[in-house]
């Protein structure tokens, strides 16, 4: 088993509130796409409430920003799920439901196997990527970094708040 997993966070700003008819096509596919992730090779964990998804969490001041957060065994497993499954259909339709984001909206980073980052960590990784560009701290699918064992093992993980929903 690898010593590290890849964490990912992505955000999107909805064109309308989640219960608006504009969002109906997206909402109708949520359970299907989440179930697909859960059974995909390399899937480890995803942030979810008792409802089975994270669409009602609002970690930003803007109520129209959706927050998606998961952990995978490898970048390859995550990439396959994102771009080579039914999930890709939603990506092709995303402009129907979401505004074009001007800044960073996806961040990836390596975590020690068994570590479940919190929302605080995910937000900080995304903000760092926006401010400083890709690095070992946070990167993109386009500019990836292999896990740097020394960096990961000496990182001060307690600077982040733990994830309250880490069971699952």
C-alpha atoms as a PDB file:
ATOM      1  CA  UNK A   1       0.000   0.000   0.000  1.00  0.00           C
ATOM      2  CA  UNK A   2       1.252   3.486  -0.774  1.00  0.00           C
ATOM      3  CA  UNK A   3       2.241   5.678   2.173  1.00  0.00           C
ATOM      4  CA  UNK A   4       0.419   8.673   0.696  1.00  0.00           C
ATOM      5  CA  UNK A   5      -2.953   9.488  -0.773  1.00  0.00           C
ATOM      6  CA  UNK A   6      -4.036  12.415  -2.913  1.00  0.00           C
ATOM      7  CA  UNK A   7      -6.551  14.855  -1.451  1.00  0.00           C
ATOM      8  CA  UNK A   8      -8.612  17.087  -3.716  1.00  0.00           C
ATOM      9  CA  UNK A   9     -10.918  19.997  -3.167  1.00  0.00           C
ATOM     10  CA  UNK A  10     -12.992  21.735  -5.796  1.00  0.00           C
ATOM     11  CA  UNK A  11     -15.429  24.580  -5.557  1.00  0.00           C
ATOM     12  CA  UNK A  12     -18.002  25.959  -7.951  1.00  0.00           C
ATOM     13  CA  UNK A  13     -20.373  28.920  -7.823  1.00  0.00           C
ATOM     14  CA  UNK A  14     -23.916  27.931  -8.759  1.00  0.00           C
ATOM     15  CA  UNK A  15     -25.883  29.956 -11.281  1.00  0.00           C
ATOM     16  CA  UNK A  16     -28.819  29.881  -8.854  1.00  0.00           C
ATOM     17  CA  UNK A  17     -29.667  28.479  -5.414  1.00  0.00           C
ATOM     18  CA  UNK A  18     -29.604  24.676  -5.215  1.00  0.00           C
ATOM     19  CA  UNK A  19     -33.411  24.421  -5.044  1.00  0.00           C
ATOM     20  CA  UNK A  20     -33.913  26.618  -8.140  1.00  0.00           C
ATOM     21  CA  UNK A  21     -35.150  24.847 -11.310  1.00  0.00           C
ATOM     22  CA  UNK A  22     -31.924  25.974 -13.065  1.00  0.00           C
ATOM     23  CA  UNK A  23     -30.019  23.513 -10.843  1.00  0.00           C
ATOM     24  CA  UNK A  24     -32.457  20.595 -11.252  1.00  0.00           C
ATOM     25  CA  UNK A  25     -30.360  18.694 -13.797  1.00  0.00           C
ATOM     26  CA  UNK A  26     -27.326  18.824 -11.520  1.00  0.00           C
ATOM     27  CA  UNK A  27     -29.246  17.898  -8.368  1.00  0.00           C
ATOM     28  CA  UNK A  28     -30.914  14.979 -10.168  1.00  0.00           C
ATOM     29  CA  UNK A  29     -27.494  13.386 -10.826  1.00  0.00           C
ATOM     30  CA  UNK A  30     -25.875  13.947  -7.404  1.00  0.00           C
ATOM     31  CA  UNK A  31     -26.683  10.564  -5.859  1.00  0.00           C
ATOM     32  CA  UNK A  32     -25.604   8.727  -9.017  1.00  0.00           C
ATOM     33  CA  UNK A  33     -22.279  10.565  -9.289  1.00  0.00           C
ATOM     34  CA  UNK A  34     -21.518  10.236  -5.569  1.00  0.00           C
ATOM     35  CA  UNK A  35     -22.277   6.493  -5.698  1.00  0.00           C
ATOM     36  CA  UNK A  36     -19.990   6.202  -8.709  1.00  0.00           C
ATOM     37  CA  UNK A  37     -17.182   7.876  -6.774  1.00  0.00           C
ATOM     38  CA  UNK A  38     -17.759   5.642  -3.753  1.00  0.00           C
ATOM     39  CA  UNK A  39     -17.316   2.470  -5.823  1.00  0.00           C
ATOM     40  CA  UNK A  40     -14.555   3.756  -8.133  1.00  0.00           C
ATOM     41  CA  UNK A  41     -11.139   2.077  -7.997  1.00  0.00           C
ATOM     42  CA  UNK A  42      -8.821   4.090  -5.781  1.00  0.00           C
ATOM     43  CA  UNK A  43     -11.546   5.953  -3.897  1.00  0.00           C
ATOM     44  CA  UNK A  44     -10.760   6.413  -0.191  1.00  0.00           C
ATOM     45  CA  UNK A  45     -13.100   9.018   1.352  1.00  0.00           C
ATOM     46  CA  UNK A  46     -15.302  12.011   0.580  1.00  0.00           C
ATOM     47  CA  UNK A  47     -16.735  14.764   2.709  1.00  0.00           C
ATOM     48  CA  UNK A  48     -20.425  14.199   3.257  1.00  0.00           C
ATOM     49  CA  UNK A  49     -23.182  14.965   5.694  1.00  0.00           C
ATOM     50  CA  UNK A  50     -25.707  12.410   6.919  1.00  0.00           C
ATOM     51  CA  UNK A  51     -27.610  13.159   3.686  1.00  0.00           C
ATOM     52  CA  UNK A  52     -24.795  11.458   1.745  1.00  0.00           C
ATOM     53  CA  UNK A  53     -23.313  14.527   0.078  1.00  0.00           C
ATOM     54  CA  UNK A  54     -21.760  17.878   0.927  1.00  0.00           C
ATOM     55  CA  UNK A  55     -23.999  20.153  -1.137  1.00  0.00           C
ATOM     56  CA  UNK A  56     -25.516  21.840   1.903  1.00  0.00           C
ATOM     57  CA  UNK A  57     -22.182  22.663   3.562  1.00  0.00           C
ATOM     58  CA  UNK A  58     -21.230  26.302   3.070  1.00  0.00           C
ATOM     59  CA  UNK A  59     -17.634  26.881   4.205  1.00  0.00           C
ATOM     60  CA  UNK A  60     -17.469  30.207   2.327  1.00  0.00           C
ATOM     61  CA  UNK A  61     -19.452  33.375   2.972  1.00  0.00           C
ATOM     62  CA  UNK A  62     -21.070  33.012  -0.458  1.00  0.00           C
ATOM     63  CA  UNK A  63     -24.064  30.645  -0.171  1.00  0.00           C
ATOM     64  CA  UNK A  64     -23.844  29.765  -3.860  1.00  0.00           C
ATOM     65  CA  UNK A  65     -20.379  28.184  -3.614  1.00  0.00           C
ATOM     66  CA  UNK A  66     -20.490  24.388  -3.507  1.00  0.00           C
ATOM     67  CA  UNK A  67     -17.609  22.574  -1.846  1.00  0.00           C
ATOM     68  CA  UNK A  68     -16.470  19.091  -2.877  1.00  0.00           C
ATOM     69  CA  UNK A  69     -13.671  17.301  -1.074  1.00  0.00           C
ATOM     70  CA  UNK A  70     -12.289  13.757  -1.352  1.00  0.00           C
ATOM     71  CA  UNK A  71      -9.262  11.496  -0.950  1.00  0.00           C
ATOM     72  CA  UNK A  72      -7.983   8.993  -3.501  1.00  0.00           C
ATOM     73  CA  UNK A  73      -5.196   6.412  -3.606  1.00  0.00           C
ATOM     74  CA  UNK A  74      -3.508   8.132  -6.550  1.00  0.00           C
ATOM     75  CA  UNK A  75      -3.756  11.006  -8.999  1.00  0.00           C
ATOM     76  CA  UNK A  76      -4.398   8.430 -11.739  1.00  0.00           C
ATOM     77  CA  UNK A  77      -7.424   6.985  -9.908  1.00  0.00           C
ATOM     78  CA  UNK A  78      -8.846  10.466  -9.329  1.00  0.00           C
ATOM     79  CA  UNK A  79      -8.173  11.520 -12.936  1.00  0.00           C
ATOM     80  CA  UNK A  80      -9.916   8.399 -14.246  1.00  0.00           C
ATOM     81  CA  UNK A  81     -13.002   9.102 -12.143  1.00  0.00           C
ATOM     82  CA  UNK A  82     -13.113  12.797 -13.070  1.00  0.00           C
ATOM     83  CA  UNK A  83     -12.499  12.511 -16.823  1.00  0.00           C
ATOM     84  CA  UNK A  84     -13.358   8.932 -17.890  1.00  0.00           C
ATOM     85  CA  UNK A  85     -16.639   8.093 -16.151  1.00  0.00           C
ATOM     86  CA  UNK A  86     -20.155   9.552 -16.135  1.00  0.00           C
ATOM     87  CA  UNK A  87     -18.664  12.349 -14.028  1.00  0.00           C
ATOM     88  CA  UNK A  88     -17.187  13.754 -17.253  1.00  0.00           C
ATOM     89  CA  UNK A  89     -20.739  14.275 -18.574  1.00  0.00           C
ATOM     90  CA  UNK A  90     -21.396  16.694 -15.720  1.00  0.00           C
ATOM     91  CA  UNK A  91     -18.140  18.505 -16.469  1.00  0.00           C
ATOM     92  CA  UNK A  92     -19.257  19.017 -20.055  1.00  0.00           C
ATOM     93  CA  UNK A  93     -22.563  20.477 -18.801  1.00  0.00           C
ATOM     94  CA  UNK A  94     -21.104  22.537 -15.944  1.00  0.00           C
ATOM     95  CA  UNK A  95     -21.845  25.915 -17.590  1.00  0.00           C
ATOM     96  CA  UNK A  96     -25.549  25.024 -17.404  1.00  0.00           C
ATOM     97  CA  UNK A  97     -25.290  25.069 -13.614  1.00  0.00           C
ATOM     98  CA  UNK A  98     -22.121  26.924 -12.608  1.00  0.00           C
ATOM     99  CA  UNK A  99     -20.442  30.245 -13.306  1.00  0.00           C
ATOM    100  CA  UNK A 100     -16.974  30.320 -14.802  1.00  0.00           C
ATOM    101  CA  UNK A 101     -14.559  30.753 -11.912  1.00  0.00           C
ATOM    102  CA  UNK A 102     -11.836  33.365 -12.355  1.00  0.00           C
ATOM    103  CA  UNK A 103      -9.468  31.918  -9.757  1.00  0.00           C
ATOM    104  CA  UNK A 104      -8.294  28.534  -8.517  1.00  0.00           C
ATOM    105  CA  UNK A 105     -11.196  26.143  -8.089  1.00  0.00           C
ATOM    106  CA  UNK A 106      -9.391  22.777  -7.830  1.00  0.00           C
ATOM    107  CA  UNK A 107      -6.441  21.911  -5.602  1.00  0.00           C
ATOM    108  CA  UNK A 108      -4.650  18.614  -5.077  1.00  0.00           C
ATOM    109  CA  UNK A 109      -2.084  17.692  -2.408  1.00  0.00           C
ATOM    110  CA  UNK A 110      -0.500  14.625  -0.876  1.00  0.00           C
ATOM    111  CA  UNK A 111      -1.494  13.464   2.589  1.00  0.00           C
ATOM    112  CA  UNK A 112      -0.130  10.654   4.750  1.00  0.00           C
ATOM    113  CA  UNK A 113      -2.217   7.511   4.398  1.00  0.00           C
ATOM    114  CA  UNK A 114      -4.948   7.689   7.046  1.00  0.00           C
ATOM    115  CA  UNK A 115      -4.919  11.492   7.346  1.00  0.00           C
ATOM    116  CA  UNK A 116      -8.283  13.093   6.635  1.00  0.00           C
ATOM    117  CA  UNK A 117      -7.879  16.820   6.039  1.00  0.00           C
ATOM    118  CA  UNK A 118     -10.457  19.210   7.410  1.00  0.00           C
ATOM    119  CA  UNK A 119     -12.355  21.918   5.582  1.00  0.00           C
ATOM    120  CA  UNK A 120      -9.925  24.463   7.041  1.00  0.00           C
ATOM    121  CA  UNK A 121      -6.997  22.689   5.404  1.00  0.00           C
ATOM    122  CA  UNK A 122      -8.757  22.360   2.052  1.00  0.00           C
ATOM    123  CA  UNK A 123      -9.634  26.059   1.981  1.00  0.00           C
ATOM    124  CA  UNK A 124      -6.064  27.037   2.865  1.00  0.00           C
ATOM    125  CA  UNK A 125      -4.620  24.769   0.180  1.00  0.00           C
ATOM    126  CA  UNK A 126      -6.929  26.271  -2.441  1.00  0.00           C
ATOM    127  CA  UNK A 127      -6.130  29.837  -1.331  1.00  0.00           C
ATOM    128  CA  UNK A 128      -2.395  29.081  -1.400  1.00  0.00           C
ATOM    129  CA  UNK A 129      -2.664  27.711  -4.928  1.00  0.00           C
ATOM    130  CA  UNK A 130      -4.521  30.865  -5.985  1.00  0.00           C
ATOM    131  CA  UNK A 131      -1.905  33.150  -4.386  1.00  0.00           C
ATOM    132  CA  UNK A 132       1.309  31.283  -5.220  1.00  0.00           C
ATOM    133  CA  UNK A 133       0.633  28.831  -8.021  1.00  0.00           C
ATOM    134  CA  UNK A 134       1.317  25.084  -8.021  1.00  0.00           C
ATOM    135  CA  UNK A 135       3.752  23.691  -5.454  1.00  0.00           C
ATOM    136  CA  UNK A 136       4.103  20.657  -3.208  1.00  0.00           C
ATOM    137  CA  UNK A 137       1.628  22.429  -0.864  1.00  0.00           C
ATOM    138  CA  UNK A 138      -1.160  22.544  -3.493  1.00  0.00           C
ATOM    139  CA  UNK A 139      -1.195  21.783  -7.201  1.00  0.00           C
ATOM    140  CA  UNK A 140      -3.441  21.026 -10.165  1.00  0.00           C
ATOM    141  CA  UNK A 141      -4.066  18.173 -12.591  1.00  0.00           C
ATOM    142  CA  UNK A 142      -2.085  20.155 -15.163  1.00  0.00           C
ATOM    143  CA  UNK A 143       0.940  20.675 -12.882  1.00  0.00           C
ATOM    144  CA  UNK A 144       1.349  17.724 -10.541  1.00  0.00           C
ATOM    145  CA  UNK A 145       4.073  16.877  -8.061  1.00  0.00           C
ATOM    146  CA  UNK A 146       5.069  13.415  -6.859  1.00  0.00           C
ATOM    147  CA  UNK A 147       4.849  12.937  -3.105  1.00  0.00           C
ATOM    148  CA  UNK A 148       7.899  14.404  -1.383  1.00  0.00           C
ATOM    149  CA  UNK A 149       8.382  12.156   1.635  1.00  0.00           C
ATOM    150  CA  UNK A 150      10.577  14.620   3.523  1.00  0.00           C
ATOM    151  CA  UNK A 151       8.138  17.492   2.937  1.00  0.00           C
ATOM    152  CA  UNK A 152       5.116  15.430   3.986  1.00  0.00           C
ATOM    153  CA  UNK A 153       6.752  13.815   7.016  1.00  0.00           C
ATOM    154  CA  UNK A 154       8.086  17.118   8.399  1.00  0.00           C
ATOM    155  CA  UNK A 155       4.965  19.160   7.649  1.00  0.00           C
ATOM    156  CA  UNK A 156       3.253  20.707  10.697  1.00  0.00           C
ATOM    157  CA  UNK A 157      -0.160  19.032  10.223  1.00  0.00           C
ATOM    158  CA  UNK A 158      -1.666  20.342  13.522  1.00  0.00           C
ATOM    159  CA  UNK A 159      -1.773  23.879  12.053  1.00  0.00           C
ATOM    160  CA  UNK A 160      -5.063  22.807  10.455  1.00  0.00           C
ATOM    161  CA  UNK A 161      -8.344  22.158  12.217  1.00  0.00           C
ATOM    162  CA  UNK A 162      -9.290  18.442  12.094  1.00  0.00           C
ATOM    163  CA  UNK A 163     -12.156  17.223   9.962  1.00  0.00           C
ATOM    164  CA  UNK A 164     -15.307  16.739  12.058  1.00  0.00           C
ATOM    165  CA  UNK A 165     -16.699  14.314   9.432  1.00  0.00           C
ATOM    166  CA  UNK A 166     -13.681  12.042   9.052  1.00  0.00           C
ATOM    167  CA  UNK A 167     -15.483   8.782   9.719  1.00  0.00           C
ATOM    168  CA  UNK A 168     -16.618   7.064   6.542  1.00  0.00           C
END
